[in-house]
Amino acid sequence: MRDHTKLRAFELADEVAILIYRITRGFPKEEIYGLTAQMRRGAVSVPSNIVEGCARESQDEYLRFLEIAFSSLRELHYQCGLAKRLGYSDEHDFAALDSKIQETEKVLGSLVRSMRKI
């Protein structure tokens, strides 16, 4: 088994999840069961899938969960852009979040590519 706490991808994904929860606190109340809930589920899904993948014995299963995490992260990136275009938070919050998501995509994407070569 692998230790997820030693992965930079996990650390970044965890930071993204915390940022999402902080930013979505200020979203309109009518979005509580809509975009807010969707973004929060996606944000938690990314580090959760990394953790689950690390707990798997086979390389194939590990890679599959990393790919799921990456897909969830890309979906979340779109949702953040949508929330920004809808004016649900200020530009500064979204700029910091976008930067963190992009960094996470790079690190997690590199990890996925490296696992595919094994």
N, C-alpha and C. Protein backbone atom coordinates (compact mmCIF):
# COMPACT_ATOMS: atom_id res chain seq x y z
N MET A 1 0.84 -1.18 0.00
CA MET A 1 0.00 0.00 0.00
C MET A 1 0.88 1.25 0.00
N ARG A 2 0.35 2.27 -0.62
CA ARG A 2 1.08 3.53 -0.72
C ARG A 2 0.57 4.52 0.34
N ASP A 3 1.41 5.44 0.72
CA ASP A 3 1.03 6.46 1.70
C ASP A 3 0.62 7.73 0.94
N HIS A 4 -0.68 7.98 0.91
CA HIS A 4 -1.19 9.13 0.17
C HIS A 4 -0.66 10.46 0.71
N THR A 5 -0.30 10.50 2.00
CA THR A 5 0.16 11.76 2.59
C THR A 5 1.52 12.19 2.05
N LYS A 6 2.20 11.30 1.39
CA LYS A 6 3.51 11.62 0.81
C LYS A 6 3.40 12.13 -0.63
N LEU A 7 2.20 12.15 -1.17
CA LEU A 7 2.00 12.59 -2.55
C LEU A 7 1.67 14.08 -2.61
N ARG A 8 2.42 14.80 -3.40
CA ARG A 8 2.15 16.23 -3.62
C ARG A 8 0.76 16.41 -4.22
N ALA A 9 0.36 15.50 -5.10
CA ALA A 9 -0.97 15.58 -5.73
C ALA A 9 -2.07 15.55 -4.68
N PHE A 10 -1.90 14.71 -3.66
CA PHE A 10 -2.89 14.66 -2.59
C PHE A 10 -2.92 15.96 -1.80
N GLU A 11 -1.75 16.47 -1.44
CA GLU A 11 -1.68 17.73 -0.68
C GLU A 11 -2.40 18.85 -1.43
N LEU A 12 -2.14 18.97 -2.72
CA LEU A 12 -2.77 20.02 -3.52
C LEU A 12 -4.28 19.81 -3.62
N ALA A 13 -4.69 18.56 -3.86
CA ALA A 13 -6.12 18.26 -3.96
C ALA A 13 -6.85 18.59 -2.67
N ASP A 14 -6.20 18.32 -1.54
CA ASP A 14 -6.77 18.66 -0.24
C ASP A 14 -6.92 20.17 -0.09
N GLU A 15 -5.93 20.92 -0.54
CA GLU A 15 -6.00 22.39 -0.49
C GLU A 15 -7.12 22.91 -1.37
N VAL A 16 -7.31 22.30 -2.53
CA VAL A 16 -8.41 22.69 -3.42
C VAL A 16 -9.74 22.46 -2.73
N ALA A 17 -9.90 21.32 -2.08
CA ALA A 17 -11.16 21.02 -1.39
C ALA A 17 -11.47 22.08 -0.32
N ILE A 18 -10.47 22.45 0.43
CA ILE A 18 -10.68 23.47 1.47
C ILE A 18 -11.06 24.81 0.84
N LEU A 19 -10.38 25.19 -0.23
CA LEU A 19 -10.71 26.44 -0.92
C LEU A 19 -12.14 26.43 -1.45
N ILE A 20 -12.55 25.31 -2.02
CA ILE A 20 -13.91 25.20 -2.56
C ILE A 20 -14.94 25.39 -1.45
N TYR A 21 -14.73 24.75 -0.32
CA TYR A 21 -15.68 24.92 0.78
C TYR A 21 -15.74 26.37 1.24
N ARG A 22 -14.59 27.01 1.32
CA ARG A 22 -14.57 28.41 1.76
C ARG A 22 -15.29 29.32 0.76
N ILE A 23 -15.01 29.13 -0.51
CA ILE A 23 -15.60 30.00 -1.53
C ILE A 23 -17.09 29.76 -1.67
N THR A 24 -17.52 28.50 -1.63
CA THR A 24 -18.95 28.21 -1.84
C THR A 24 -19.82 28.63 -0.66
N ARG A 25 -19.22 28.93 0.49
CA ARG A 25 -20.01 29.45 1.61
C ARG A 25 -20.76 30.72 1.23
N GLY A 26 -20.18 31.49 0.33
CA GLY A 26 -20.79 32.75 -0.07
C GLY A 26 -21.69 32.66 -1.29
N PHE A 27 -21.88 31.47 -1.83
CA PHE A 27 -22.75 31.31 -3.00
C PHE A 27 -24.20 31.57 -2.61
N PRO A 28 -25.04 31.92 -3.57
CA PRO A 28 -26.46 32.16 -3.28
C PRO A 28 -27.11 30.93 -2.63
N LYS A 29 -28.01 31.17 -1.72
CA LYS A 29 -28.69 30.08 -1.01
C LYS A 29 -29.46 29.16 -1.95
N GLU A 30 -29.96 29.70 -3.06
CA GLU A 30 -30.71 28.84 -3.99
C GLU A 30 -29.82 27.83 -4.70
N GLU A 31 -28.50 27.98 -4.56
CA GLU A 31 -27.54 27.04 -5.17
C GLU A 31 -27.11 25.93 -4.21
N ILE A 32 -27.64 25.93 -2.99
CA ILE A 32 -27.18 24.96 -1.99
C ILE A 32 -27.31 23.52 -2.47
N TYR A 33 -28.36 23.22 -3.22
CA TYR A 33 -28.55 21.86 -3.74
C TYR A 33 -28.14 21.76 -5.20
N GLY A 34 -27.63 22.83 -5.75
CA GLY A 34 -27.21 22.86 -7.14
C GLY A 34 -25.71 22.91 -7.26
N LEU A 35 -25.22 24.03 -7.75
CA LEU A 35 -23.80 24.17 -8.03
C LEU A 35 -22.93 24.06 -6.77
N THR A 36 -23.38 24.59 -5.66
CA THR A 36 -22.61 24.49 -4.42
C THR A 36 -22.37 23.03 -4.05
N ALA A 37 -23.43 22.25 -4.02
CA ALA A 37 -23.32 20.83 -3.66
C ALA A 37 -22.46 20.07 -4.67
N GLN A 38 -22.65 20.36 -5.95
CA GLN A 38 -21.90 19.68 -7.00
C GLN A 38 -20.40 19.97 -6.88
N MET A 39 -20.07 21.23 -6.66
CA MET A 39 -18.66 21.60 -6.53
C MET A 39 -18.04 20.99 -5.29
N ARG A 40 -18.76 20.96 -4.21
CA ARG A 40 -18.23 20.38 -2.98
C ARG A 40 -18.01 18.88 -3.12
N ARG A 41 -18.97 18.19 -3.74
CA ARG A 41 -18.80 16.75 -3.97
C ARG A 41 -17.58 16.49 -4.85
N GLY A 42 -17.44 17.29 -5.91
CA GLY A 42 -16.29 17.12 -6.80
C GLY A 42 -14.98 17.40 -6.10
N ALA A 43 -14.97 18.44 -5.29
CA ALA A 43 -13.74 18.82 -4.58
C ALA A 43 -13.31 17.73 -3.60
N VAL A 44 -14.25 17.09 -2.95
CA VAL A 44 -13.94 16.02 -2.01
C VAL A 44 -13.57 14.74 -2.76
N SER A 45 -14.15 14.56 -3.93
CA SER A 45 -13.89 13.37 -4.74
C SER A 45 -12.43 13.25 -5.16
N VAL A 46 -11.80 14.37 -5.46
CA VAL A 46 -10.42 14.33 -5.97
C VAL A 46 -9.47 13.71 -4.93
N PRO A 47 -9.32 14.30 -3.74
CA PRO A 47 -8.41 13.68 -2.78
C PRO A 47 -8.90 12.31 -2.31
N SER A 48 -10.20 12.12 -2.24
CA SER A 48 -10.74 10.83 -1.80
C SER A 48 -10.34 9.70 -2.75
N ASN A 49 -10.39 9.98 -4.05
CA ASN A 49 -10.00 8.96 -5.02
C ASN A 49 -8.50 8.70 -5.00
N ILE A 50 -7.72 9.71 -4.70
CA ILE A 50 -6.28 9.50 -4.56
C ILE A 50 -6.03 8.57 -3.36
N VAL A 51 -6.70 8.84 -2.26
CA VAL A 51 -6.56 8.01 -1.05
C VAL A 51 -6.99 6.58 -1.35
N GLU A 52 -8.14 6.42 -2.00
CA GLU A 52 -8.63 5.07 -2.30
C GLU A 52 -7.68 4.34 -3.23
N GLY A 53 -7.16 5.04 -4.22
CA GLY A 53 -6.20 4.41 -5.14
C GLY A 53 -4.95 3.95 -4.42
N CYS A 54 -4.48 4.75 -3.49
CA CYS A 54 -3.28 4.38 -2.72
C CYS A 54 -3.51 3.13 -1.88
N ALA A 55 -4.74 2.88 -1.50
CA ALA A 55 -5.07 1.72 -0.68
C ALA A 55 -5.20 0.44 -1.49
N ARG A 56 -5.22 0.57 -2.80
CA ARG A 56 -5.36 -0.60 -3.66
C ARG A 56 -4.02 -1.28 -3.87
N GLU A 57 -4.06 -2.60 -4.02
CA GLU A 57 -2.83 -3.37 -4.15
C GLU A 57 -2.25 -3.32 -5.56
N SER A 58 -3.10 -3.36 -6.57
CA SER A 58 -2.58 -3.45 -7.94
C SER A 58 -2.30 -2.07 -8.53
N GLN A 59 -1.30 -2.03 -9.40
CA GLN A 59 -0.96 -0.80 -10.11
C GLN A 59 -2.12 -0.34 -10.99
N ASP A 60 -2.80 -1.29 -11.62
CA ASP A 60 -3.92 -0.94 -12.50
C ASP A 60 -5.04 -0.25 -11.74
N GLU A 61 -5.36 -0.76 -10.57
CA GLU A 61 -6.40 -0.13 -9.76
C GLU A 61 -5.96 1.24 -9.27
N TYR A 62 -4.72 1.35 -8.86
CA TYR A 62 -4.16 2.63 -8.42
C TYR A 62 -4.29 3.65 -9.54
N LEU A 63 -3.88 3.28 -10.73
CA LEU A 63 -3.97 4.17 -11.89
C LEU A 63 -5.42 4.55 -12.18
N ARG A 64 -6.32 3.58 -12.10
CA ARG A 64 -7.74 3.86 -12.38
C ARG A 64 -8.28 4.92 -11.43
N PHE A 65 -7.97 4.83 -10.17
CA PHE A 65 -8.46 5.83 -9.20
C PHE A 65 -7.79 7.19 -9.40
N LEU A 66 -6.53 7.20 -9.80
CA LEU A 66 -5.87 8.47 -10.12
C LEU A 66 -6.54 9.12 -11.32
N GLU A 67 -6.91 8.32 -12.31
CA GLU A 67 -7.60 8.86 -13.49
C GLU A 67 -8.97 9.41 -13.13
N ILE A 68 -9.67 8.74 -12.24
CA ILE A 68 -10.97 9.23 -11.77
C ILE A 68 -10.78 10.56 -11.04
N ALA A 69 -9.76 10.64 -10.20
CA ALA A 69 -9.47 11.88 -9.48
C ALA A 69 -9.19 13.01 -10.46
N PHE A 70 -8.40 12.72 -11.49
CA PHE A 70 -8.07 13.74 -12.49
C PHE A 70 -9.32 14.20 -13.23
N SER A 71 -10.18 13.27 -13.59
CA SER A 71 -11.43 13.62 -14.27
C SER A 71 -12.32 14.50 -13.39
N SER A 72 -12.40 14.17 -12.13
CA SER A 72 -13.20 14.99 -11.19
C SER A 72 -12.62 16.38 -11.07
N LEU A 73 -11.31 16.47 -11.08
CA LEU A 73 -10.65 17.78 -10.99
C LEU A 73 -10.95 18.63 -12.21
N ARG A 74 -10.94 18.03 -13.39
CA ARG A 74 -11.25 18.78 -14.61
C ARG A 74 -12.70 19.25 -14.61
N GLU A 75 -13.59 18.40 -14.13
CA GLU A 75 -15.00 18.76 -14.01
C GLU A 75 -15.16 19.94 -13.04
N LEU A 76 -14.46 19.88 -11.93
CA LEU A 76 -14.50 20.95 -10.94
C LEU A 76 -13.97 22.26 -11.53
N HIS A 77 -12.93 22.16 -12.34
CA HIS A 77 -12.36 23.35 -12.97
C HIS A 77 -13.42 24.05 -13.83
N TYR A 78 -14.18 23.27 -14.59
CA TYR A 78 -15.27 23.86 -15.37
C TYR A 78 -16.30 24.54 -14.47
N GLN A 79 -16.69 23.86 -13.40
CA GLN A 79 -17.71 24.40 -12.51
C GLN A 79 -17.26 25.70 -11.86
N CYS A 80 -15.98 25.80 -11.57
CA CYS A 80 -15.44 27.04 -11.00
C CYS A 80 -15.55 28.18 -12.02
N GLY A 81 -15.25 27.88 -13.26
CA GLY A 81 -15.39 28.89 -14.31
C GLY A 81 -16.84 29.32 -14.47
N LEU A 82 -17.75 28.38 -14.39
CA LEU A 82 -19.17 28.69 -14.48
C LEU A 82 -19.60 29.59 -13.32
N ALA A 83 -19.20 29.23 -12.11
CA ALA A 83 -19.54 30.04 -10.93
C ALA A 83 -18.97 31.45 -11.06
N LYS A 84 -17.78 31.54 -11.59
CA LYS A 84 -17.16 32.86 -11.81
C LYS A 84 -17.99 33.67 -12.80
N ARG A 85 -18.37 33.05 -13.90
CA ARG A 85 -19.17 33.76 -14.92
C ARG A 85 -20.54 34.16 -14.39
N LEU A 86 -21.05 33.40 -13.43
CA LEU A 86 -22.34 33.73 -12.82
C LEU A 86 -22.21 34.80 -11.73
N GLY A 87 -20.97 35.17 -11.40
CA GLY A 87 -20.74 36.23 -10.42
C GLY A 87 -20.95 35.79 -8.98
N TYR A 88 -20.68 34.52 -8.67
CA TYR A 88 -20.94 33.99 -7.34
C TYR A 88 -19.86 34.31 -6.31
N SER A 89 -18.74 34.84 -6.73
CA SER A 89 -17.68 35.20 -5.80
C SER A 89 -16.80 36.25 -6.46
N ASP A 90 -15.88 36.82 -5.70
CA ASP A 90 -15.05 37.87 -6.29
C ASP A 90 -13.89 37.29 -7.10
N GLU A 91 -13.34 38.12 -7.95
CA GLU A 91 -12.27 37.73 -8.87
C GLU A 91 -11.04 37.20 -8.13
N HIS A 92 -10.71 37.82 -7.00
CA HIS A 92 -9.52 37.40 -6.25
C HIS A 92 -9.64 35.95 -5.78
N ASP A 93 -10.81 35.58 -5.25
CA ASP A 93 -11.04 34.21 -4.79
C ASP A 93 -10.87 33.22 -5.94
N PHE A 94 -11.48 33.55 -7.07
CA PHE A 94 -11.42 32.64 -8.21
C PHE A 94 -10.02 32.59 -8.82
N ALA A 95 -9.28 33.67 -8.78
CA ALA A 95 -7.91 33.67 -9.31
C ALA A 95 -7.03 32.73 -8.49
N ALA A 96 -7.14 32.80 -7.18
CA ALA A 96 -6.36 31.92 -6.32
C ALA A 96 -6.77 30.46 -6.51
N LEU A 97 -8.07 30.23 -6.61
CA LEU A 97 -8.58 28.88 -6.80
C LEU A 97 -8.14 28.32 -8.16
N ASP A 98 -8.25 29.12 -9.19
CA ASP A 98 -7.87 28.68 -10.53
C ASP A 98 -6.39 28.30 -10.57
N SER A 99 -5.57 29.10 -9.95
CA SER A 99 -4.13 28.82 -9.90
C SER A 99 -3.86 27.50 -9.18
N LYS A 100 -4.55 27.26 -8.07
CA LYS A 100 -4.36 26.03 -7.30
C LYS A 100 -4.86 24.82 -8.08
N ILE A 101 -5.98 24.97 -8.78
CA ILE A 101 -6.50 23.85 -9.57
C ILE A 101 -5.55 23.53 -10.72
N GLN A 102 -5.03 24.56 -11.38
CA GLN A 102 -4.09 24.31 -12.48
C GLN A 102 -2.83 23.60 -11.99
N GLU A 103 -2.31 24.02 -10.85
CA GLU A 103 -1.13 23.35 -10.30
C GLU A 103 -1.44 21.89 -9.98
N THR A 104 -2.61 21.65 -9.42
CA THR A 104 -3.03 20.30 -9.07
C THR A 104 -3.18 19.45 -10.33
N GLU A 105 -3.76 20.02 -11.38
CA GLU A 105 -3.90 19.30 -12.64
C GLU A 105 -2.54 18.90 -13.20
N LYS A 106 -1.57 19.79 -13.13
CA LYS A 106 -0.23 19.48 -13.63
C LYS A 106 0.42 18.35 -12.84
N VAL A 107 0.36 18.44 -11.53
CA VAL A 107 1.00 17.44 -10.68
C VAL A 107 0.29 16.09 -10.80
N LEU A 108 -1.03 16.09 -10.72
CA LEU A 108 -1.78 14.85 -10.81
C LEU A 108 -1.67 14.25 -12.21
N GLY A 109 -1.72 15.10 -13.23
CA GLY A 109 -1.56 14.62 -14.60
C GLY A 109 -0.20 13.98 -14.82
N SER A 110 0.83 14.56 -14.25
CA SER A 110 2.18 13.98 -14.35
C SER A 110 2.24 12.62 -13.65
N LEU A 111 1.59 12.53 -12.50
CA LEU A 111 1.56 11.26 -11.78
C LEU A 111 0.85 10.19 -12.61
N VAL A 112 -0.27 10.54 -13.20
CA VAL A 112 -1.01 9.60 -14.05
C VAL A 112 -0.14 9.15 -15.22
N ARG A 113 0.49 10.09 -15.89
CA ARG A 113 1.35 9.73 -17.03
C ARG A 113 2.50 8.83 -16.61
N SER A 114 3.09 9.11 -15.47
CA SER A 114 4.20 8.28 -15.01
C SER A 114 3.73 6.86 -14.66
N MET A 115 2.53 6.74 -14.12
CA MET A 115 1.99 5.41 -13.79
C MET A 115 1.64 4.63 -15.06
N ARG A 116 1.24 5.30 -16.11
CA ARG A 116 0.92 4.62 -17.37
C ARG A 116 2.15 3.99 -18.00
N LYS A 117 3.33 4.54 -17.70
CA LYS A 117 4.57 4.03 -18.29
C LYS A 117 5.07 2.77 -17.59
N ILE A 118 4.57 2.52 -16.40
CA ILE A 118 5.05 1.36 -15.62
C ILE A 118 4.45 0.07 -16.17
